[in-house]
Amino acid sequence: MANHPDLAGKTGGSRGIGAATAAALARNGVAVAVVGHDQAALDGVATAITDKGGQALAAPPNSTWTGYAP
């Protein structure tokens, strides 16, 4: 994967294709914020990535956060 960013956010990353995509990004040197509604599953995906030397953060969505305004 050439020309990739250093950081990616992956929604739906707690299982299935989303988790596989997050893992593939991490294997290619991308730090990944894994986003989804199942905190336990997110933690598992992030742990699996970091256990293999990647960088990952488990991040549940927060629709009430007001720190960003376009």
PDB file of N, CA and C in Angstrom:
ATOM      1  N   MET A   1       0.838  -1.176   0.000  1.00  0.00           N
ATOM      2  CA  MET A   1       0.000   0.000   0.000  1.00  0.00           C
ATOM      3  C   MET A   1       0.881   1.236   0.000  1.00  0.00           C
ATOM      4  N   ALA A   2       1.175   1.737  -1.135  1.00  0.00           N
ATOM      5  CA  ALA A   2       1.989   2.937  -1.241  1.00  0.00           C
ATOM      6  C   ALA A   2       1.121   4.174  -1.079  1.00  0.00           C
ATOM      7  N   ASN A   3       1.750   5.270  -0.709  1.00  0.00           N
ATOM      8  CA  ASN A   3       1.075   6.565  -0.593  1.00  0.00           C
ATOM      9  C   ASN A   3      -0.086   6.553   0.385  1.00  0.00           C
ATOM     10  N   HIS A   4       0.105   5.916   1.544  1.00  0.00           N
ATOM     11  CA  HIS A   4      -0.956   5.889   2.538  1.00  0.00           C
ATOM     12  C   HIS A   4      -0.722   6.970   3.589  1.00  0.00           C
ATOM     13  N   PRO A   5      -1.781   7.399   4.260  1.00  0.00           N
ATOM     14  CA  PRO A   5      -1.597   8.362   5.341  1.00  0.00           C
ATOM     15  C   PRO A   5      -0.995   7.687   6.565  1.00  0.00           C
ATOM     16  N   ASP A   6      -0.547   8.492   7.504  1.00  0.00           N
ATOM     17  CA  ASP A   6       0.033   7.948   8.728  1.00  0.00           C
ATOM     18  C   ASP A   6      -1.029   7.552   9.742  1.00  0.00           C
ATOM     19  N   LEU A   7      -2.257   8.050   9.580  1.00  0.00           N
ATOM     20  CA  LEU A   7      -3.335   7.789  10.519  1.00  0.00           C
ATOM     21  C   LEU A   7      -4.628   7.562   9.757  1.00  0.00           C
ATOM     22  N   ALA A   8      -5.404   6.566  10.200  1.00  0.00           N
ATOM     23  CA  ALA A   8      -6.706   6.302   9.577  1.00  0.00           C
ATOM     24  C   ALA A   8      -7.725   6.007  10.658  1.00  0.00           C
ATOM     25  N   GLY A   9      -8.944   6.428  10.422  1.00  0.00           N
ATOM     26  CA  GLY A   9     -10.072   6.065  11.269  1.00  0.00           C
ATOM     27  C   GLY A   9     -10.887   5.017  10.528  1.00  0.00           C
ATOM     28  N   LYS A  10     -11.228   3.921  11.180  1.00  0.00           N
ATOM     29  CA  LYS A  10     -12.003   2.854  10.527  1.00  0.00           C
ATOM     30  C   LYS A  10     -13.300   2.654  11.287  1.00  0.00           C
ATOM     31  N   THR A  11     -14.395   3.133  10.708  1.00  0.00           N
ATOM     32  CA  THR A  11     -15.693   2.898  11.321  1.00  0.00           C
ATOM     33  C   THR A  11     -16.121   1.463  11.043  1.00  0.00           C
ATOM     34  N   GLY A  12     -16.958   0.938  11.914  1.00  0.00           N
ATOM     35  CA  GLY A  12     -17.377  -0.453  11.767  1.00  0.00           C
ATOM     36  C   GLY A  12     -16.226  -1.407  11.986  1.00  0.00           C
ATOM     37  N   GLY A  13     -15.245  -0.983  12.780  1.00  0.00           N
ATOM     38  CA  GLY A  13     -14.020  -1.755  12.930  1.00  0.00           C
ATOM     39  C   GLY A  13     -14.041  -2.814  14.007  1.00  0.00           C
ATOM     40  N   SER A  14     -15.177  -3.054  14.621  1.00  0.00           N
ATOM     41  CA  SER A  14     -15.192  -4.009  15.734  1.00  0.00           C
ATOM     42  C   SER A  14     -15.276  -5.462  15.287  1.00  0.00           C
ATOM     43  N   ARG A  15     -15.601  -5.701  14.016  1.00  0.00           N
ATOM     44  CA  ARG A  15     -15.694  -7.100  13.547  1.00  0.00           C
ATOM     45  C   ARG A  15     -15.719  -7.135  12.025  1.00  0.00           C
ATOM     46  N   GLY A  16     -15.604  -8.329  11.486  1.00  0.00           N
ATOM     47  CA  GLY A  16     -15.762  -8.558  10.050  1.00  0.00           C
ATOM     48  C   GLY A  16     -14.808  -7.777   9.168  1.00  0.00           C
ATOM     49  N   ILE A  17     -15.345  -7.262   8.085  1.00  0.00           N
ATOM     50  CA  ILE A  17     -14.532  -6.541   7.105  1.00  0.00           C
ATOM     51  C   ILE A  17     -13.871  -5.312   7.723  1.00  0.00           C
ATOM     52  N   GLY A  18     -14.576  -4.634   8.612  1.00  0.00           N
ATOM     53  CA  GLY A  18     -14.000  -3.453   9.257  1.00  0.00           C
ATOM     54  C   GLY A  18     -12.775  -3.787  10.084  1.00  0.00           C
ATOM     55  N   ALA A  19     -12.847  -4.858  10.862  1.00  0.00           N
ATOM     56  CA  ALA A  19     -11.700  -5.278  11.668  1.00  0.00           C
ATOM     57  C   ALA A  19     -10.548  -5.736  10.779  1.00  0.00           C
ATOM     58  N   ALA A  20     -10.875  -6.456   9.711  1.00  0.00           N
ATOM     59  CA  ALA A  20      -9.842  -6.920   8.778  1.00  0.00           C
ATOM     60  C   ALA A  20      -9.165  -5.739   8.084  1.00  0.00           C
ATOM     61  N   THR A  21      -9.935  -4.729   7.734  1.00  0.00           N
ATOM     62  CA  THR A  21      -9.370  -3.537   7.100  1.00  0.00           C
ATOM     63  C   THR A  21      -8.461  -2.790   8.072  1.00  0.00           C
ATOM     64  N   ALA A  22      -8.901  -2.646   9.313  1.00  0.00           N
ATOM     65  CA  ALA A  22      -8.070  -1.984  10.327  1.00  0.00           C
ATOM     66  C   ALA A  22      -6.753  -2.731  10.512  1.00  0.00           C
ATOM     67  N   ALA A  23      -6.816  -4.050  10.569  1.00  0.00           N
ATOM     68  CA  ALA A  23      -5.603  -4.859  10.726  1.00  0.00           C
ATOM     69  C   ALA A  23      -4.682  -4.711   9.518  1.00  0.00           C
ATOM     70  N   ALA A  24      -5.245  -4.693   8.325  1.00  0.00           N
ATOM     71  CA  ALA A  24      -4.429  -4.540   7.109  1.00  0.00           C
ATOM     72  C   ALA A  24      -3.759  -3.172   7.080  1.00  0.00           C
ATOM     73  N   LEU A  25      -4.485  -2.147   7.465  1.00  0.00           N
ATOM     74  CA  LEU A  25      -3.883  -0.811   7.521  1.00  0.00           C
ATOM     75  C   LEU A  25      -2.718  -0.800   8.503  1.00  0.00           C
ATOM     76  N   ALA A  26      -2.930  -1.380   9.677  1.00  0.00           N
ATOM     77  CA  ALA A  26      -1.884  -1.405  10.699  1.00  0.00           C
ATOM     78  C   ALA A  26      -0.663  -2.184  10.236  1.00  0.00           C
ATOM     79  N   ARG A  27      -0.877  -3.291   9.543  1.00  0.00           N
ATOM     80  CA  ARG A  27       0.260  -4.073   9.022  1.00  0.00           C
ATOM     81  C   ARG A  27       1.091  -3.260   8.045  1.00  0.00           C
ATOM     82  N   ASN A  28       0.482  -2.266   7.438  1.00  0.00           N
ATOM     83  CA  ASN A  28       1.185  -1.424   6.472  1.00  0.00           C
ATOM     84  C   ASN A  28       1.664  -0.109   7.075  1.00  0.00           C
ATOM     85  N   GLY A  29       1.755  -0.061   8.398  1.00  0.00           N
ATOM     86  CA  GLY A  29       2.355   1.076   9.073  1.00  0.00           C
ATOM     87  C   GLY A  29       1.432   2.225   9.400  1.00  0.00           C
ATOM     88  N   VAL A  30       0.142   2.051   9.222  1.00  0.00           N
ATOM     89  CA  VAL A  30      -0.812   3.114   9.513  1.00  0.00           C
ATOM     90  C   VAL A  30      -1.308   2.955  10.948  1.00  0.00           C
ATOM     91  N   ALA A  31      -1.301   4.039  11.723  1.00  0.00           N
ATOM     92  CA  ALA A  31      -1.917   4.027  13.042  1.00  0.00           C
ATOM     93  C   ALA A  31      -3.428   4.114  12.830  1.00  0.00           C
ATOM     94  N   VAL A  32      -4.187   3.274  13.529  1.00  0.00           N
ATOM     95  CA  VAL A  32      -5.614   3.140  13.260  1.00  0.00           C
ATOM     96  C   VAL A  32      -6.444   3.476  14.490  1.00  0.00           C
ATOM     97  N   ALA A  33      -7.453   4.326  14.300  1.00  0.00           N
ATOM     98  CA  ALA A  33      -8.492   4.535  15.303  1.00  0.00           C
ATOM     99  C   ALA A  33      -9.657   3.652  14.882  1.00  0.00           C
ATOM    100  N   VAL A  34      -9.919   2.617  15.669  1.00  0.00           N
ATOM    101  CA  VAL A  34     -10.964   1.646  15.353  1.00  0.00           C
ATOM    102  C   VAL A  34     -12.247   2.121  16.034  1.00  0.00           C
ATOM    103  N   VAL A  35     -13.275   2.412  15.235  1.00  0.00           N
ATOM    104  CA  VAL A  35     -14.508   2.999  15.754  1.00  0.00           C
ATOM    105  C   VAL A  35     -15.675   2.047  15.570  1.00  0.00           C
ATOM    106  N   GLY A  36     -16.517   1.932  16.598  1.00  0.00           N
ATOM    107  CA  GLY A  36     -17.715   1.103  16.530  1.00  0.00           C
ATOM    108  C   GLY A  36     -18.471   1.199  17.838  1.00  0.00           C
ATOM    109  N   HIS A  37     -19.598   0.508  17.930  1.00  0.00           N
ATOM    110  CA  HIS A  37     -20.459   0.619  19.102  1.00  0.00           C
ATOM    111  C   HIS A  37     -20.186  -0.419  20.175  1.00  0.00           C
ATOM    112  N   ASP A  38     -19.468  -1.477  19.876  1.00  0.00           N
ATOM    113  CA  ASP A  38     -19.220  -2.561  20.826  1.00  0.00           C
ATOM    114  C   ASP A  38     -17.825  -2.376  21.417  1.00  0.00           C
ATOM    115  N   GLN A  39     -17.762  -1.758  22.600  1.00  0.00           N
ATOM    116  CA  GLN A  39     -16.469  -1.414  23.198  1.00  0.00           C
ATOM    117  C   GLN A  39     -15.598  -2.642  23.426  1.00  0.00           C
ATOM    118  N   ALA A  40     -16.177  -3.728  23.895  1.00  0.00           N
ATOM    119  CA  ALA A  40     -15.383  -4.942  24.147  1.00  0.00           C
ATOM    120  C   ALA A  40     -14.770  -5.468  22.853  1.00  0.00           C
ATOM    121  N   ALA A  41     -15.544  -5.469  21.779  1.00  0.00           N
ATOM    122  CA  ALA A  41     -15.025  -5.938  20.485  1.00  0.00           C
ATOM    123  C   ALA A  41     -13.955  -4.983  19.961  1.00  0.00           C
ATOM    124  N   LEU A  42     -14.169  -3.679  20.123  1.00  0.00           N
ATOM    125  CA  LEU A  42     -13.161  -2.693  19.701  1.00  0.00           C
ATOM    126  C   LEU A  42     -11.855  -2.909  20.451  1.00  0.00           C
ATOM    127  N   ASP A  43     -11.968  -3.120  21.756  1.00  0.00           N
ATOM    128  CA  ASP A  43     -10.766  -3.361  22.558  1.00  0.00           C
ATOM    129  C   ASP A  43     -10.021  -4.600  22.069  1.00  0.00           C
ATOM    130  N   GLY A  44     -10.769  -5.634  21.696  1.00  0.00           N
ATOM    131  CA  GLY A  44     -10.149  -6.854  21.187  1.00  0.00           C
ATOM    132  C   GLY A  44      -9.408  -6.633  19.886  1.00  0.00           C
ATOM    133  N   VAL A  45     -10.015  -5.868  18.979  1.00  0.00           N
ATOM    134  CA  VAL A  45      -9.365  -5.566  17.692  1.00  0.00           C
ATOM    135  C   VAL A  45      -8.116  -4.731  17.923  1.00  0.00           C
ATOM    136  N   ALA A  46      -8.233  -3.691  18.749  1.00  0.00           N
ATOM    137  CA  ALA A  46      -7.076  -2.827  19.020  1.00  0.00           C
ATOM    138  C   ALA A  46      -5.953  -3.607  19.691  1.00  0.00           C
ATOM    139  N   THR A  47      -6.294  -4.483  20.619  1.00  0.00           N
ATOM    140  CA  THR A  47      -5.284  -5.297  21.295  1.00  0.00           C
ATOM    141  C   THR A  47      -4.596  -6.238  20.316  1.00  0.00           C
ATOM    142  N   ALA A  48      -5.382  -6.861  19.439  1.00  0.00           N
ATOM    143  CA  ALA A  48      -4.789  -7.765  18.442  1.00  0.00           C
ATOM    144  C   ALA A  48      -3.806  -7.015  17.551  1.00  0.00           C
ATOM    145  N   ILE A  49      -4.134  -5.778  17.199  1.00  0.00           N
ATOM    146  CA  ILE A  49      -3.247  -4.973  16.358  1.00  0.00           C
ATOM    147  C   ILE A  49      -1.983  -4.603  17.115  1.00  0.00           C
ATOM    148  N   THR A  50      -2.133  -4.125  18.352  1.00  0.00           N
ATOM    149  CA  THR A  50      -0.948  -3.704  19.109  1.00  0.00           C
ATOM    150  C   THR A  50      -0.076  -4.889  19.512  1.00  0.00           C
ATOM    151  N   ASP A  51      -0.697  -6.046  19.749  1.00  0.00           N
ATOM    152  CA  ASP A  51       0.091  -7.242  20.080  1.00  0.00           C
ATOM    153  C   ASP A  51       1.004  -7.658  18.925  1.00  0.00           C
ATOM    154  N   LYS A  52       0.643  -7.266  17.717  1.00  0.00           N
ATOM    155  CA  LYS A  52       1.459  -7.581  16.542  1.00  0.00           C
ATOM    156  C   LYS A  52       2.359  -6.420  16.143  1.00  0.00           C
ATOM    157  N   GLY A  53       2.494  -5.425  17.037  1.00  0.00           N
ATOM    158  CA  GLY A  53       3.411  -4.322  16.795  1.00  0.00           C
ATOM    159  C   GLY A  53       2.800  -3.103  16.122  1.00  0.00           C
ATOM    160  N   GLY A  54       1.505  -3.132  15.851  1.00  0.00           N
ATOM    161  CA  GLY A  54       0.851  -1.986  15.225  1.00  0.00           C
ATOM    162  C   GLY A  54       0.396  -0.974  16.261  1.00  0.00           C
ATOM    163  N   GLN A  55      -0.142   0.116  15.776  1.00  0.00           N
ATOM    164  CA  GLN A  55      -0.673   1.164  16.643  1.00  0.00           C
ATOM    165  C   GLN A  55      -2.175   1.259  16.408  1.00  0.00           C
ATOM    166  N   ALA A  56      -2.949   1.144  17.502  1.00  0.00           N
ATOM    167  CA  ALA A  56      -4.402   1.202  17.374  1.00  0.00           C
ATOM    168  C   ALA A  56      -5.018   1.777  18.635  1.00  0.00           C
ATOM    169  N   LEU A  57      -6.132   2.436  18.433  1.00  0.00           N
ATOM    170  CA  LEU A  57      -6.908   3.023  19.515  1.00  0.00           C
ATOM    171  C   LEU A  57      -8.353   2.586  19.325  1.00  0.00           C
ATOM    172  N   ALA A  58      -8.974   2.045  20.375  1.00  0.00           N
ATOM    173  CA  ALA A  58     -10.388   1.675  20.326  1.00  0.00           C
ATOM    174  C   ALA A  58     -11.201   2.905  20.708  1.00  0.00           C
ATOM    175  N   ALA A  59     -12.070   3.359  19.818  1.00  0.00           N
ATOM    176  CA  ALA A  59     -12.799   4.603  20.034  1.00  0.00           C
ATOM    177  C   ALA A  59     -14.284   4.434  19.731  1.00  0.00           C
ATOM    178  N   PRO A  60     -15.119   4.402  20.775  1.00  0.00           N
ATOM    179  CA  PRO A  60     -16.552   4.358  20.506  1.00  0.00           C
ATOM    180  C   PRO A  60     -17.002   5.707  19.959  1.00  0.00           C
ATOM    181  N   PRO A  61     -18.032   5.717  19.106  1.00  0.00           N
ATOM    182  CA  PRO A  61     -18.512   6.996  18.576  1.00  0.00           C
ATOM    183  C   PRO A  61     -19.163   7.806  19.688  1.00  0.00           C
ATOM    184  N   ASN A  62     -19.089   9.102  19.561  1.00  0.00           N
ATOM    185  CA  ASN A  62     -19.701   9.994  20.547  1.00  0.00           C
ATOM    186  C   ASN A  62     -20.386  11.122  19.801  1.00  0.00           C
ATOM    187  N   SER A  63     -21.654  10.980  19.593  1.00  0.00           N
ATOM    188  CA  SER A  63     -22.392  11.989  18.822  1.00  0.00           C
ATOM    189  C   SER A  63     -22.658  13.254  19.621  1.00  0.00           C
ATOM    190  N   THR A  64     -22.305  13.259  20.908  1.00  0.00           N
ATOM    191  CA  THR A  64     -22.537  14.462  21.713  1.00  0.00           C
ATOM    192  C   THR A  64     -21.296  15.332  21.820  1.00  0.00           C
ATOM    193  N   TRP A  65     -20.172  14.874  21.292  1.00  0.00           N
ATOM    194  CA  TRP A  65     -18.930  15.642  21.372  1.00  0.00           C
ATOM    195  C   TRP A  65     -19.036  16.892  20.539  1.00  0.00           C
ATOM    196  N   THR A  66     -18.669  18.029  21.087  1.00  0.00           N
ATOM    197  CA  THR A  66     -18.802  19.303  20.379  1.00  0.00           C
ATOM    198  C   THR A  66     -17.458  19.962  20.130  1.00  0.00           C
ATOM    199  N   GLY A  67     -16.374  19.205  20.253  1.00  0.00           N
ATOM    200  CA  GLY A  67     -15.042  19.775  20.095  1.00  0.00           C
ATOM    201  C   GLY A  67     -14.656  20.102  18.673  1.00  0.00           C
ATOM    202  N   TYR A  68     -15.450  19.639  17.708  1.00  0.00           N
ATOM    203  CA  TYR A  68     -15.130  19.902  16.295  1.00  0.00           C
ATOM    204  C   TYR A  68     -16.321  20.544  15.634  1.00  0.00           C
ATOM    205  N   ALA A  69     -16.076  21.617  14.976  1.00  0.00           N
ATOM    206  CA  ALA A  69     -17.142  22.276  14.208  1.00  0.00           C
ATOM    207  C   ALA A  69     -16.581  22.688  12.861  1.00  0.00           C
ATOM    208  N   PRO A  70     -17.143  22.149  11.779  1.00  0.00           N
ATOM    209  CA  PRO A  70     -16.621  22.493  10.453  1.00  0.00           C
ATOM    210  C   PRO A  70     -16.875  23.948  10.088  1.00  0.00           C
TER     211      PRO A  70
END
